Amino acid sequence: MAKPFLGVGWGFPLTVDNSGFFNKAEYEESVRQSIWIVLGTAKGERVMRPDFGCGIYDLVFEVNSPSTAGKVAQAIRQALLLFEPRIDVLDIQVQAADGGEVLLISIDYQVRTTNNVFNLVYPFYLERSTA
């Protein structure tokens, strides 16, 4: 079923299909990839859009604690509110994994126009830090 209101664009990462055309991301996949791009971009990384991205990269040297998890969840909520208007964020859970060096960020979101609910898990790597 076509859902042009959700958008169609180049897939991320950029890849070429067998006929030499860029692969596309369509509809809900376009939304998922857009979220991934927002989360994977540090603020100030894009020269012409220094405000674009997520503030979690300011926290990369923080100690893995409940306070850091709260800061990560808040930064993600703010970034998605600003840069992905096609969704409503339902829940963000941050859990430590791999000895505390990785935070697994689980984002439950609802696509506004279709009311479909999805989950995306984003790994965020902290540098080992001691308190």
C-alpha atoms as a PDB file:
ATOM      1  CA  MET A   1       0.000   0.000   0.000  1.00  0.00           C
ATOM      2  CA  ALA A   2       1.484   3.335  -1.054  1.00  0.00           C
ATOM      3  CA  LYS A   3       1.932   5.926   1.686  1.00  0.00           C
ATOM      4  CA  PRO A   4       3.488   8.907  -0.112  1.00  0.00           C
ATOM      5  CA  PHE A   5       2.799  11.184   2.863  1.00  0.00           C
ATOM      6  CA  LEU A   6       5.571   9.338   4.772  1.00  0.00           C
ATOM      7  CA  GLY A   7       8.119  10.003   2.063  1.00  0.00           C
ATOM      8  CA  VAL A   8      10.487   8.215  -0.236  1.00  0.00           C
ATOM      9  CA  GLY A   9      14.169   9.037  -0.420  1.00  0.00           C
ATOM     10  CA  TRP A  10      17.645   7.646  -0.767  1.00  0.00           C
ATOM     11  CA  GLY A  11      18.344   4.767   1.549  1.00  0.00           C
ATOM     12  CA  PHE A  12      20.908   5.047   4.295  1.00  0.00           C
ATOM     13  CA  PRO A  13      23.655   4.055   3.962  1.00  0.00           C
ATOM     14  CA  LEU A  14      23.859   4.929   0.290  1.00  0.00           C
ATOM     15  CA  THR A  15      23.923   1.778  -1.816  1.00  0.00           C
ATOM     16  CA  VAL A  16      23.378   1.025  -5.487  1.00  0.00           C
ATOM     17  CA  ASP A  17      21.092  -1.728  -6.789  1.00  0.00           C
ATOM     18  CA  ASN A  18      21.877  -4.115  -9.678  1.00  0.00           C
ATOM     19  CA  SER A  19      20.561  -1.674 -12.282  1.00  0.00           C
ATOM     20  CA  GLY A  20      22.830   1.157 -11.090  1.00  0.00           C
ATOM     21  CA  PHE A  21      20.196   3.195  -9.253  1.00  0.00           C
ATOM     22  CA  PHE A  22      20.417   4.264  -5.624  1.00  0.00           C
ATOM     23  CA  ASN A  23      18.363   2.114  -3.275  1.00  0.00           C
ATOM     24  CA  LYS A  24      15.387   3.917  -1.784  1.00  0.00           C
ATOM     25  CA  ALA A  25      13.856   4.000   1.662  1.00  0.00           C
ATOM     26  CA  GLU A  26      10.084   4.179   1.507  1.00  0.00           C
ATOM     27  CA  TYR A  27       7.401   5.064   4.036  1.00  0.00           C
ATOM     28  CA  GLU A  28       7.975   3.547   7.511  1.00  0.00           C
ATOM     29  CA  GLU A  29      11.506   2.496   6.517  1.00  0.00           C
ATOM     30  CA  SER A  30      12.205   6.117   5.577  1.00  0.00           C
ATOM     31  CA  VAL A  31      11.053   7.177   9.042  1.00  0.00           C
ATOM     32  CA  ARG A  32      13.209   4.512  10.741  1.00  0.00           C
ATOM     33  CA  GLN A  33      16.287   5.546   8.782  1.00  0.00           C
ATOM     34  CA  SER A  34      15.615   9.199   9.548  1.00  0.00           C
ATOM     35  CA  ILE A  35      15.559   8.435  13.285  1.00  0.00           C
ATOM     36  CA  TRP A  36      18.830   6.521  12.921  1.00  0.00           C
ATOM     37  CA  ILE A  37      20.396   9.516  11.122  1.00  0.00           C
ATOM     38  CA  VAL A  38      19.252  11.967  13.825  1.00  0.00           C
ATOM     39  CA  LEU A  39      20.668   9.733  16.562  1.00  0.00           C
ATOM     40  CA  GLY A  40      23.912   9.101  14.672  1.00  0.00           C
ATOM     41  CA  THR A  41      24.680  12.775  14.076  1.00  0.00           C
ATOM     42  CA  ALA A  42      26.397  14.862  16.736  1.00  0.00           C
ATOM     43  CA  LYS A  43      25.327  18.484  17.085  1.00  0.00           C
ATOM     44  CA  GLY A  44      27.705  20.703  15.140  1.00  0.00           C
ATOM     45  CA  GLU A  45      28.742  17.867  12.824  1.00  0.00           C
ATOM     46  CA  ARG A  46      26.911  19.260   9.795  1.00  0.00           C
ATOM     47  CA  VAL A  47      28.459  22.506   8.643  1.00  0.00           C
ATOM     48  CA  MET A  48      25.314  24.061   7.172  1.00  0.00           C
ATOM     49  CA  ARG A  49      23.053  22.739   9.971  1.00  0.00           C
ATOM     50  CA  PRO A  50      25.016  22.997  13.229  1.00  0.00           C
ATOM     51  CA  ASP A  51      21.819  22.568  15.257  1.00  0.00           C
ATOM     52  CA  PHE A  52      20.958  19.222  13.613  1.00  0.00           C
ATOM     53  CA  GLY A  53      21.639  16.028  15.515  1.00  0.00           C
ATOM     54  CA  CYS A  54      21.426  14.577  18.973  1.00  0.00           C
ATOM     55  CA  GLY A  55      23.149  15.784  22.131  1.00  0.00           C
ATOM     56  CA  ILE A  56      24.094  12.294  23.316  1.00  0.00           C
ATOM     57  CA  TYR A  57      27.599  12.699  21.939  1.00  0.00           C
ATOM     58  CA  ASP A  58      28.257  15.360  24.576  1.00  0.00           C
ATOM     59  CA  LEU A  59      27.840  12.541  27.112  1.00  0.00           C
ATOM     60  CA  VAL A  60      30.316  10.046  25.656  1.00  0.00           C
ATOM     61  CA  PHE A  61      32.756  10.388  28.573  1.00  0.00           C
ATOM     62  CA  GLU A  62      30.116  10.304  31.316  1.00  0.00           C
ATOM     63  CA  VAL A  63      30.129   7.581  33.936  1.00  0.00           C
ATOM     64  CA  ASN A  64      27.516   4.932  33.215  1.00  0.00           C
ATOM     65  CA  SER A  65      24.918   5.753  35.846  1.00  0.00           C
ATOM     66  CA  PRO A  66      21.154   6.274  36.113  1.00  0.00           C
ATOM     67  CA  SER A  67      21.809  10.008  35.804  1.00  0.00           C
ATOM     68  CA  THR A  68      23.597   9.507  32.486  1.00  0.00           C
ATOM     69  CA  ALA A  69      20.793   7.248  31.267  1.00  0.00           C
ATOM     70  CA  GLY A  70      18.287  10.007  32.069  1.00  0.00           C
ATOM     71  CA  LYS A  71      20.388  12.605  30.236  1.00  0.00           C
ATOM     72  CA  VAL A  72      20.629  10.308  27.194  1.00  0.00           C
ATOM     73  CA  ALA A  73      16.868   9.716  27.140  1.00  0.00           C
ATOM     74  CA  GLN A  74      16.163  13.450  27.429  1.00  0.00           C
ATOM     75  CA  ALA A  75      18.622  14.355  24.657  1.00  0.00           C
ATOM     76  CA  ILE A  76      17.038  11.780  22.351  1.00  0.00           C
ATOM     77  CA  ARG A  77      13.508  12.926  23.142  1.00  0.00           C
ATOM     78  CA  GLN A  78      14.452  16.546  22.347  1.00  0.00           C
ATOM     79  CA  ALA A  79      16.234  15.634  19.100  1.00  0.00           C
ATOM     80  CA  LEU A  80      13.363  13.516  17.805  1.00  0.00           C
ATOM     81  CA  LEU A  81      10.834  16.168  18.754  1.00  0.00           C
ATOM     82  CA  LEU A  82      12.760  18.743  16.715  1.00  0.00           C
ATOM     83  CA  PHE A  83      13.890  16.702  13.729  1.00  0.00           C
ATOM     84  CA  GLU A  84      11.356  13.922  13.150  1.00  0.00           C
ATOM     85  CA  PRO A  85       7.852  15.404  13.042  1.00  0.00           C
ATOM     86  CA  ARG A  86       6.327  12.231  11.551  1.00  0.00           C
ATOM     87  CA  ILE A  87       6.445  10.382  14.883  1.00  0.00           C
ATOM     88  CA  ASP A  88       5.320  10.540  18.483  1.00  0.00           C
ATOM     89  CA  VAL A  89       7.882   9.155  20.932  1.00  0.00           C
ATOM     90  CA  LEU A  90       6.047   6.773  23.259  1.00  0.00           C
ATOM     91  CA  ASP A  91       8.893   5.544  25.457  1.00  0.00           C
ATOM     92  CA  ILE A  92      12.676   5.598  25.711  1.00  0.00           C
ATOM     93  CA  GLN A  93      14.490   2.989  27.790  1.00  0.00           C
ATOM     94  CA  VAL A  94      18.247   3.058  28.348  1.00  0.00           C
ATOM     95  CA  GLN A  95      19.997  -0.097  29.569  1.00  0.00           C
ATOM     96  CA  ALA A  96      23.670  -0.852  30.131  1.00  0.00           C
ATOM     97  CA  ALA A  97      25.172  -3.758  28.217  1.00  0.00           C
ATOM     98  CA  ASP A  98      28.614  -5.238  27.542  1.00  0.00           C
ATOM     99  CA  GLY A  99      30.100  -4.467  30.941  1.00  0.00           C
ATOM    100  CA  GLY A 100      28.676  -0.949  31.053  1.00  0.00           C
ATOM    101  CA  GLU A 101      30.494   0.366  27.990  1.00  0.00           C
ATOM    102  CA  VAL A 102      27.416   0.205  25.745  1.00  0.00           C
ATOM    103  CA  LEU A 103      24.029   1.735  26.374  1.00  0.00           C
ATOM    104  CA  LEU A 104      21.207   0.042  24.486  1.00  0.00           C
ATOM    105  CA  ILE A 105      18.623   2.713  23.789  1.00  0.00           C
ATOM    106  CA  SER A 106      15.178   1.308  23.039  1.00  0.00           C
ATOM    107  CA  ILE A 107      12.818   3.807  21.442  1.00  0.00           C
ATOM    108  CA  ASP A 108       9.121   3.040  21.067  1.00  0.00           C
ATOM    109  CA  TYR A 109       7.495   5.397  18.589  1.00  0.00           C
ATOM    110  CA  GLN A 110       4.244   5.763  16.721  1.00  0.00           C
ATOM    111  CA  VAL A 111       4.012   7.017  13.156  1.00  0.00           C
ATOM    112  CA  ARG A 112       1.444   9.806  13.376  1.00  0.00           C
ATOM    113  CA  THR A 113      -0.336   9.323  10.066  1.00  0.00           C
ATOM    114  CA  THR A 114      -0.778   5.546  10.271  1.00  0.00           C
ATOM    115  CA  ASN A 115      -0.778   4.974  14.064  1.00  0.00           C
ATOM    116  CA  ASN A 116       1.630   2.064  13.524  1.00  0.00           C
ATOM    117  CA  VAL A 117       3.902   1.469  16.519  1.00  0.00           C
ATOM    118  CA  PHE A 118       7.563   0.528  16.077  1.00  0.00           C
ATOM    119  CA  ASN A 119      10.638  -0.080  18.219  1.00  0.00           C
ATOM    120  CA  LEU A 120      14.205   0.877  17.363  1.00  0.00           C
ATOM    121  CA  VAL A 121      17.225  -0.152  19.425  1.00  0.00           C
ATOM    122  CA  TYR A 122      20.249   2.121  19.069  1.00  0.00           C
ATOM    123  CA  PRO A 123      23.621   1.158  20.593  1.00  0.00           C
ATOM    124  CA  PHE A 124      25.528   4.065  22.139  1.00  0.00           C
ATOM    125  CA  TYR A 125      29.142   3.472  23.121  1.00  0.00           C
ATOM    126  CA  LEU A 126      30.538   5.144  26.231  1.00  0.00           C
ATOM    127  CA  GLU A 127      34.253   5.451  26.742  1.00  0.00           C
ATOM    128  CA  ARG A 128      35.302   3.620  29.887  1.00  0.00           C
ATOM    129  CA  SER A 129      35.244   6.138  32.705  1.00  0.00           C
ATOM    130  CA  THR A 130      35.764   5.832  36.430  1.00  0.00           C
ATOM    131  CA  ALA A 131      34.136   7.929  39.104  1.00  0.00           C
END
